[in-house]
Amino acid sequence: MAGVQARKEEERKREGHKQTIHKEKRRLAIRNAAQQWEGVRASLELPPTNGAKEEVSPENSPAHSPAQTNGLAQETVSR
């Protein structure tokens, strides 16, 4: 009877050890995935210009000039 109890106790210890190893492997995998994601995310982000993001609108576009509206050139009349 004592031998059966000892085997059951040993089996519980082994199972607990397996679960601990599995949890540690899972934790490391999650940590590695998070680090890789941060690296990918950082490489996709553009660095801000002068510490601020610049908005690009049609009015601020280098191709836009005050004499152009709707893609048609308008003549400016000066007197």
PDB file of N, CA and C in Angstrom:
ATOM      1  N   MET A   1       0.824  -1.196   0.000  1.00  0.00           N
ATOM      2  CA  MET A   1       0.000   0.000   0.000  1.00  0.00           C
ATOM      3  C   MET A   1       0.872   1.266   0.000  1.00  0.00           C
ATOM      4  N   ALA A   2       1.925   1.253   0.770  1.00  0.00           N
ATOM      5  CA  ALA A   2       2.826   2.408   0.840  1.00  0.00           C
ATOM      6  C   ALA A   2       3.495   2.638  -0.515  1.00  0.00           C
ATOM      7  N   GLY A   3       3.789   1.556  -1.233  1.00  0.00           N
ATOM      8  CA  GLY A   3       4.406   1.663  -2.562  1.00  0.00           C
ATOM      9  C   GLY A   3       3.474   2.345  -3.554  1.00  0.00           C
ATOM     10  N   VAL A   4       2.188   2.041  -3.501  1.00  0.00           N
ATOM     11  CA  VAL A   4       1.200   2.648  -4.389  1.00  0.00           C
ATOM     12  C   VAL A   4       1.107   4.154  -4.094  1.00  0.00           C
ATOM     13  N   GLN A   5       1.075   4.497  -2.830  1.00  0.00           N
ATOM     14  CA  GLN A   5       1.021   5.905  -2.431  1.00  0.00           C
ATOM     15  C   GLN A   5       2.264   6.659  -2.917  1.00  0.00           C
ATOM     16  N   ALA A   6       3.413   6.014  -2.792  1.00  0.00           N
ATOM     17  CA  ALA A   6       4.665   6.643  -3.212  1.00  0.00           C
ATOM     18  C   ALA A   6       4.660   6.875  -4.730  1.00  0.00           C
ATOM     19  N   ARG A   7       4.150   5.902  -5.493  1.00  0.00           N
ATOM     20  CA  ARG A   7       4.084   6.066  -6.946  1.00  0.00           C
ATOM     21  C   ARG A   7       3.115   7.190  -7.345  1.00  0.00           C
ATOM     22  N   LYS A   8       1.980   7.255  -6.673  1.00  0.00           N
ATOM     23  CA  LYS A   8       1.013   8.317  -6.963  1.00  0.00           C
ATOM     24  C   LYS A   8       1.613   9.691  -6.662  1.00  0.00           C
ATOM     25  N   GLU A   9       2.314   9.777  -5.549  1.00  0.00           N
ATOM     26  CA  GLU A   9       2.953  11.045  -5.181  1.00  0.00           C
ATOM     27  C   GLU A   9       4.025  11.418  -6.204  1.00  0.00           C
ATOM     28  N   GLU A  10       4.798  10.459  -6.642  1.00  0.00           N
ATOM     29  CA  GLU A  10       5.832  10.707  -7.651  1.00  0.00           C
ATOM     30  C   GLU A  10       5.204  11.148  -8.976  1.00  0.00           C
ATOM     31  N   GLU A  11       4.095  10.513  -9.348  1.00  0.00           N
ATOM     32  CA  GLU A  11       3.395  10.890 -10.584  1.00  0.00           C
ATOM     33  C   GLU A  11       2.859  12.322 -10.483  1.00  0.00           C
ATOM     34  N   ARG A  12       2.331  12.701  -9.348  1.00  0.00           N
ATOM     35  CA  ARG A  12       1.848  14.085  -9.166  1.00  0.00           C
ATOM     36  C   ARG A  12       2.997  15.079  -9.283  1.00  0.00           C
ATOM     37  N   LYS A  13       4.141  14.726  -8.726  1.00  0.00           N
ATOM     38  CA  LYS A  13       5.307  15.608  -8.816  1.00  0.00           C
ATOM     39  C   LYS A  13       5.757  15.762 -10.274  1.00  0.00           C
ATOM     40  N   ARG A  14       5.800  14.650 -11.005  1.00  0.00           N
ATOM     41  CA  ARG A  14       6.194  14.704 -12.415  1.00  0.00           C
ATOM     42  C   ARG A  14       5.216  15.548 -13.226  1.00  0.00           C
ATOM     43  N   GLU A  15       3.923  15.361 -12.985  1.00  0.00           N
ATOM     44  CA  GLU A  15       2.909  16.121 -13.711  1.00  0.00           C
ATOM     45  C   GLU A  15       3.018  17.613 -13.385  1.00  0.00           C
ATOM     46  N   GLY A  16       3.252  17.929 -12.138  1.00  0.00           N
ATOM     47  CA  GLY A  16       3.439  19.327 -11.742  1.00  0.00           C
ATOM     48  C   GLY A  16       4.668  19.924 -12.413  1.00  0.00           C
ATOM     49  N   HIS A  17       5.736  19.140 -12.496  1.00  0.00           N
ATOM     50  CA  HIS A  17       6.968  19.601 -13.151  1.00  0.00           C
ATOM     51  C   HIS A  17       6.719  19.840 -14.643  1.00  0.00           C
ATOM     52  N   LYS A  18       5.978  18.920 -15.288  1.00  0.00           N
ATOM     53  CA  LYS A  18       5.651  19.079 -16.709  1.00  0.00           C
ATOM     54  C   LYS A  18       4.839  20.354 -16.928  1.00  0.00           C
ATOM     55  N   GLN A  19       3.878  20.604 -16.054  1.00  0.00           N
ATOM     56  CA  GLN A  19       3.053  21.804 -16.185  1.00  0.00           C
ATOM     57  C   GLN A  19       3.885  23.072 -15.994  1.00  0.00           C
ATOM     58  N   THR A  20       4.813  23.028 -15.054  1.00  0.00           N
ATOM     59  CA  THR A  20       5.688  24.180 -14.825  1.00  0.00           C
ATOM     60  C   THR A  20       6.536  24.457 -16.054  1.00  0.00           C
ATOM     61  N   ILE A  21       7.092  23.422 -16.648  1.00  0.00           N
ATOM     62  CA  ILE A  21       7.908  23.582 -17.858  1.00  0.00           C
ATOM     63  C   ILE A  21       7.044  24.119 -18.999  1.00  0.00           C
ATOM     64  N   HIS A  22       5.834  23.578 -19.149  1.00  0.00           N
ATOM     65  CA  HIS A  22       4.933  24.028 -20.204  1.00  0.00           C
ATOM     66  C   HIS A  22       4.580  25.508 -20.020  1.00  0.00           C
ATOM     67  N   LYS A  23       4.282  25.926 -18.800  1.00  0.00           N
ATOM     68  CA  LYS A  23       3.949  27.324 -18.529  1.00  0.00           C
ATOM     69  C   LYS A  23       5.124  28.239 -18.835  1.00  0.00           C
ATOM     70  N   GLU A  24       6.328  27.810 -18.495  1.00  0.00           N
ATOM     71  CA  GLU A  24       7.517  28.626 -18.763  1.00  0.00           C
ATOM     72  C   GLU A  24       7.766  28.748 -20.262  1.00  0.00           C
ATOM     73  N   LYS A  25       7.613  27.649 -21.003  1.00  0.00           N
ATOM     74  CA  LYS A  25       7.782  27.700 -22.456  1.00  0.00           C
ATOM     75  C   LYS A  25       6.739  28.627 -23.073  1.00  0.00           C
ATOM     76  N   ARG A  26       5.518  28.551 -22.595  1.00  0.00           N
ATOM     77  CA  ARG A  26       4.442  29.408 -23.106  1.00  0.00           C
ATOM     78  C   ARG A  26       4.745  30.874 -22.804  1.00  0.00           C
ATOM     79  N   ARG A  27       5.198  31.166 -21.601  1.00  0.00           N
ATOM     80  CA  ARG A  27       5.530  32.529 -21.208  1.00  0.00           C
ATOM     81  C   ARG A  27       6.648  33.087 -22.090  1.00  0.00           C
ATOM     82  N   LEU A  28       7.672  32.282 -22.344  1.00  0.00           N
ATOM     83  CA  LEU A  28       8.778  32.714 -23.200  1.00  0.00           C
ATOM     84  C   LEU A  28       8.324  32.936 -24.647  1.00  0.00           C
ATOM     85  N   ALA A  29       7.457  32.060 -25.138  1.00  0.00           N
ATOM     86  CA  ALA A  29       6.957  32.216 -26.504  1.00  0.00           C
ATOM     87  C   ALA A  29       6.159  33.509 -26.638  1.00  0.00           C
ATOM     88  N   ILE A  30       5.340  33.805 -25.657  1.00  0.00           N
ATOM     89  CA  ILE A  30       4.550  35.039 -25.682  1.00  0.00           C
ATOM     90  C   ILE A  30       5.467  36.246 -25.610  1.00  0.00           C
ATOM     91  N   ARG A  31       6.479  36.187 -24.750  1.00  0.00           N
ATOM     92  CA  ARG A  31       7.416  37.305 -24.621  1.00  0.00           C
ATOM     93  C   ARG A  31       8.181  37.537 -25.922  1.00  0.00           C
ATOM     94  N   ASN A  32       8.640  36.454 -26.543  1.00  0.00           N
ATOM     95  CA  ASN A  32       9.367  36.571 -27.812  1.00  0.00           C
ATOM     96  C   ASN A  32       8.472  37.135 -28.918  1.00  0.00           C
ATOM     97  N   ALA A  33       7.228  36.676 -28.972  1.00  0.00           N
ATOM     98  CA  ALA A  33       6.298  37.185 -29.981  1.00  0.00           C
ATOM     99  C   ALA A  33       6.044  38.676 -29.760  1.00  0.00           C
ATOM    100  N   ALA A  34       5.902  39.082 -28.516  1.00  0.00           N
ATOM    101  CA  ALA A  34       5.675  40.497 -28.210  1.00  0.00           C
ATOM    102  C   ALA A  34       6.879  41.339 -28.618  1.00  0.00           C
ATOM    103  N   GLN A  35       8.081  40.850 -28.355  1.00  0.00           N
ATOM    104  CA  GLN A  35       9.285  41.583 -28.747  1.00  0.00           C
ATOM    105  C   GLN A  35       9.398  41.688 -30.261  1.00  0.00           C
ATOM    106  N   GLN A  36       9.096  40.617 -30.967  1.00  0.00           N
ATOM    107  CA  GLN A  36       9.151  40.642 -32.430  1.00  0.00           C
ATOM    108  C   GLN A  36       8.102  41.604 -32.978  1.00  0.00           C
ATOM    109  N   TRP A  37       6.904  41.591 -32.394  1.00  0.00           N
ATOM    110  CA  TRP A  37       5.852  42.491 -32.839  1.00  0.00           C
ATOM    111  C   TRP A  37       6.266  43.949 -32.629  1.00  0.00           C
ATOM    112  N   GLU A  38       6.854  44.255 -31.481  1.00  0.00           N
ATOM    113  CA  GLU A  38       7.312  45.618 -31.221  1.00  0.00           C
ATOM    114  C   GLU A  38       8.373  46.035 -32.245  1.00  0.00           C
ATOM    115  N   GLY A  39       9.254  45.116 -32.612  1.00  0.00           N
ATOM    116  CA  GLY A  39      10.274  45.417 -33.614  1.00  0.00           C
ATOM    117  C   GLY A  39       9.659  45.695 -34.969  1.00  0.00           C
ATOM    118  N   VAL A  40       8.680  44.896 -35.358  1.00  0.00           N
ATOM    119  CA  VAL A  40       8.005  45.097 -36.644  1.00  0.00           C
ATOM    120  C   VAL A  40       7.234  46.409 -36.604  1.00  0.00           C
ATOM    121  N   ARG A  41       6.529  46.638 -35.520  1.00  0.00           N
ATOM    122  CA  ARG A  41       5.732  47.863 -35.398  1.00  0.00           C
ATOM    123  C   ARG A  41       6.621  49.104 -35.440  1.00  0.00           C
ATOM    124  N   ALA A  42       7.762  49.034 -34.759  1.00  0.00           N
ATOM    125  CA  ALA A  42       8.684  50.171 -34.744  1.00  0.00           C
ATOM    126  C   ALA A  42       9.260  50.425 -36.133  1.00  0.00           C
ATOM    127  N   SER A  43       9.502  49.365 -36.885  1.00  0.00           N
ATOM    128  CA  SER A  43      10.067  49.557 -38.222  1.00  0.00           C
ATOM    129  C   SER A  43       9.030  50.104 -39.201  1.00  0.00           C
ATOM    130  N   LEU A  44       7.742  49.939 -38.900  1.00  0.00           N
ATOM    131  CA  LEU A  44       6.689  50.441 -39.777  1.00  0.00           C
ATOM    132  C   LEU A  44       6.348  51.900 -39.493  1.00  0.00           C
ATOM    133  N   GLU A  45       6.652  52.363 -38.295  1.00  0.00           N
ATOM    134  CA  GLU A  45       6.333  53.742 -37.941  1.00  0.00           C
ATOM    135  C   GLU A  45       7.366  54.688 -38.520  1.00  0.00           C
ATOM    136  N   LEU A  46       6.888  55.789 -39.071  1.00  0.00           N
ATOM    137  CA  LEU A  46       7.788  56.808 -39.579  1.00  0.00           C
ATOM    138  C   LEU A  46       8.198  57.711 -38.431  1.00  0.00           C
ATOM    139  N   PRO A  47       9.455  58.114 -38.395  1.00  0.00           N
ATOM    140  CA  PRO A  47       9.870  59.007 -37.315  1.00  0.00           C
ATOM    141  C   PRO A  47       9.203  60.364 -37.471  1.00  0.00           C
ATOM    142  N   PRO A  48       8.742  60.952 -36.376  1.00  0.00           N
ATOM    143  CA  PRO A  48       8.082  62.252 -36.464  1.00  0.00           C
ATOM    144  C   PRO A  48       9.065  63.344 -36.874  1.00  0.00           C
ATOM    145  N   THR A  49       8.564  64.331 -37.606  1.00  0.00           N
ATOM    146  CA  THR A  49       9.380  65.453 -38.055  1.00  0.00           C
ATOM    147  C   THR A  49       9.351  66.534 -36.982  1.00  0.00           C
ATOM    148  N   ASN A  50      10.508  66.926 -36.500  1.00  0.00           N
ATOM    149  CA  ASN A  50      10.623  67.962 -35.474  1.00  0.00           C
ATOM    150  C   ASN A  50       9.748  67.681 -34.259  1.00  0.00           C
ATOM    151  N   GLY A  51       9.610  66.418 -33.916  1.00  0.00           N
ATOM    152  CA  GLY A  51       8.857  66.038 -32.727  1.00  0.00           C
ATOM    153  C   GLY A  51       7.353  66.104 -32.893  1.00  0.00           C
ATOM    154  N   ALA A  52       6.853  66.404 -34.078  1.00  0.00           N
ATOM    155  CA  ALA A  52       5.408  66.471 -34.296  1.00  0.00           C
ATOM    156  C   ALA A  52       5.084  65.861 -35.650  1.00  0.00           C
ATOM    157  N   LYS A  53       3.924  65.266 -35.714  1.00  0.00           N
ATOM    158  CA  LYS A  53       3.493  64.701 -36.989  1.00  0.00           C
ATOM    159  C   LYS A  53       2.964  65.829 -37.858  1.00  0.00           C
ATOM    160  N   GLU A  54       3.315  65.789 -39.122  1.00  0.00           N
ATOM    161  CA  GLU A  54       2.882  66.818 -40.056  1.00  0.00           C
ATOM    162  C   GLU A  54       1.685  66.308 -40.826  1.00  0.00           C
ATOM    163  N   GLU A  55       0.636  67.106 -40.845  1.00  0.00           N
ATOM    164  CA  GLU A  55      -0.548  66.720 -41.592  1.00  0.00           C
ATOM    165  C   GLU A  55      -0.375  67.118 -43.043  1.00  0.00           C
ATOM    166  N   VAL A  56      -0.783  66.231 -43.926  1.00  0.00           N
ATOM    167  CA  VAL A  56      -0.706  66.537 -45.352  1.00  0.00           C
ATOM    168  C   VAL A  56      -2.130  66.688 -45.848  1.00  0.00           C
ATOM    169  N   SER A  57      -2.442  67.854 -46.350  1.00  0.00           N
ATOM    170  CA  SER A  57      -3.751  68.112 -46.923  1.00  0.00           C
ATOM    171  C   SER A  57      -3.530  68.667 -48.323  1.00  0.00           C
ATOM    172  N   PRO A  58      -4.546  68.688 -49.141  1.00  0.00           N
ATOM    173  CA  PRO A  58      -4.366  69.218 -50.495  1.00  0.00           C
ATOM    174  C   PRO A  58      -3.833  70.652 -50.488  1.00  0.00           C
ATOM    175  N   GLU A  59      -4.240  71.456 -49.504  1.00  0.00           N
ATOM    176  CA  GLU A  59      -3.784  72.837 -49.440  1.00  0.00           C
ATOM    177  C   GLU A  59      -2.301  72.926 -49.100  1.00  0.00           C
ATOM    178  N   ASN A  60      -1.814  71.975 -48.290  1.00  0.00           N
ATOM    179  CA  ASN A  60      -0.412  71.995 -47.876  1.00  0.00           C
ATOM    180  C   ASN A  60       0.489  71.215 -48.819  1.00  0.00           C
ATOM    181  N   SER A  61      -0.101  70.609 -49.832  1.00  0.00           N
ATOM    182  CA  SER A  61       0.663  69.793 -50.760  1.00  0.00           C
ATOM    183  C   SER A  61       1.588  70.660 -51.602  1.00  0.00           C
ATOM    184  N   PRO A  62       2.819  70.211 -51.849  1.00  0.00           N
ATOM    185  CA  PRO A  62       3.733  70.982 -52.690  1.00  0.00           C
ATOM    186  C   PRO A  62       3.205  71.159 -54.111  1.00  0.00           C
ATOM    187  N   ALA A  63       2.341  70.285 -54.577  1.00  0.00           N
ATOM    188  CA  ALA A  63       1.812  70.378 -55.936  1.00  0.00           C
ATOM    189  C   ALA A  63       0.689  71.400 -56.024  1.00  0.00           C
ATOM    190  N   HIS A  64       0.176  71.840 -54.885  1.00  0.00           N
ATOM    191  CA  HIS A  64      -0.938  72.783 -54.878  1.00  0.00           C
ATOM    192  C   HIS A  64      -0.415  74.209 -54.863  1.00  0.00           C
ATOM    193  N   SER A  65      -0.963  75.024 -55.722  1.00  0.00           N
ATOM    194  CA  SER A  65      -0.612  76.441 -55.704  1.00  0.00           C
ATOM    195  C   SER A  65      -1.898  77.240 -55.583  1.00  0.00           C
ATOM    196  N   PRO A  66      -1.834  78.461 -55.084  1.00  0.00           N
ATOM    197  CA  PRO A  66      -3.059  79.254 -54.908  1.00  0.00           C
ATOM    198  C   PRO A  66      -3.810  79.477 -56.209  1.00  0.00           C
ATOM    199  N   ALA A  67      -3.137  79.417 -57.346  1.00  0.00           N
ATOM    200  CA  ALA A  67      -3.797  79.654 -58.628  1.00  0.00           C
ATOM    201  C   ALA A  67      -4.464  78.415 -59.176  1.00  0.00           C
ATOM    202  N   GLN A  68      -4.398  77.287 -58.473  1.00  0.00           N
ATOM    203  CA  GLN A  68      -5.002  76.055 -58.961  1.00  0.00           C
ATOM    204  C   GLN A  68      -6.174  75.671 -58.084  1.00  0.00           C
ATOM    205  N   THR A  69      -7.284  75.376 -58.722  1.00  0.00           N
ATOM    206  CA  THR A  69      -8.451  74.891 -58.002  1.00  0.00           C
ATOM    207  C   THR A  69      -9.053  73.776 -58.835  1.00  0.00           C
ATOM    208  N   ASN A  70      -9.360  72.684 -58.196  1.00  0.00           N
ATOM    209  CA  ASN A  70      -9.951  71.515 -58.871  1.00  0.00           C
ATOM    210  C   ASN A  70      -9.096  71.046 -60.044  1.00  0.00           C
ATOM    211  N   GLY A  71      -7.807  71.222 -59.971  1.00  0.00           N
ATOM    212  CA  GLY A  71      -6.922  70.748 -61.015  1.00  0.00           C
ATOM    213  C   GLY A  71      -6.893  71.643 -62.240  1.00  0.00           C
ATOM    214  N   LEU A  72      -7.669  72.744 -62.255  1.00  0.00           N
ATOM    215  CA  LEU A  72      -7.690  73.652 -63.395  1.00  0.00           C
ATOM    216  C   LEU A  72      -6.943  74.924 -63.041  1.00  0.00           C
ATOM    217  N   ALA A  73      -6.081  75.364 -63.915  1.00  0.00           N
ATOM    218  CA  ALA A  73      -5.338  76.594 -63.670  1.00  0.00           C
ATOM    219  C   ALA A  73      -6.252  77.787 -63.868  1.00  0.00           C
ATOM    220  N   GLN A  74      -6.171  78.714 -62.924  1.00  0.00           N
ATOM    221  CA  GLN A  74      -6.951  79.942 -63.053  1.00  0.00           C
ATOM    222  C   GLN A  74      -5.990  81.105 -63.217  1.00  0.00           C
ATOM    223  N   GLU A  75      -6.366  82.031 -64.051  1.00  0.00           N
ATOM    224  CA  GLU A  75      -5.518  83.198 -64.264  1.00  0.00           C
ATOM    225  C   GLU A  75      -5.758  84.183 -63.143  1.00  0.00           C
ATOM    226  N   THR A  76      -4.671  84.718 -62.643  1.00  0.00           N
ATOM    227  CA  THR A  76      -4.804  85.742 -61.622  1.00  0.00           C
ATOM    228  C   THR A  76      -4.709  87.088 -62.301  1.00  0.00           C
ATOM    229  N   VAL A  77      -5.584  87.970 -61.932  1.00  0.00           N
ATOM    230  CA  VAL A  77      -5.610  89.291 -62.536  1.00  0.00           C
ATOM    231  C   VAL A  77      -5.060  90.274 -61.535  1.00  0.00           C
ATOM    232  N   SER A  78      -3.994  90.981 -61.935  1.00  0.00           N
ATOM    233  CA  SER A  78      -3.443  91.987 -61.052  1.00  0.00           C
ATOM    234  C   SER A  78      -3.578  93.344 -61.725  1.00  0.00           C
ATOM    235  N   ARG A  79      -3.946  94.349 -60.966  1.00  0.00           N
ATOM    236  CA  ARG A  79      -4.156  95.666 -61.561  1.00  0.00           C
ATOM    237  C   ARG A  79      -3.184  96.650 -61.046  1.00  0.00           C
TER     238      ARG A  79
END
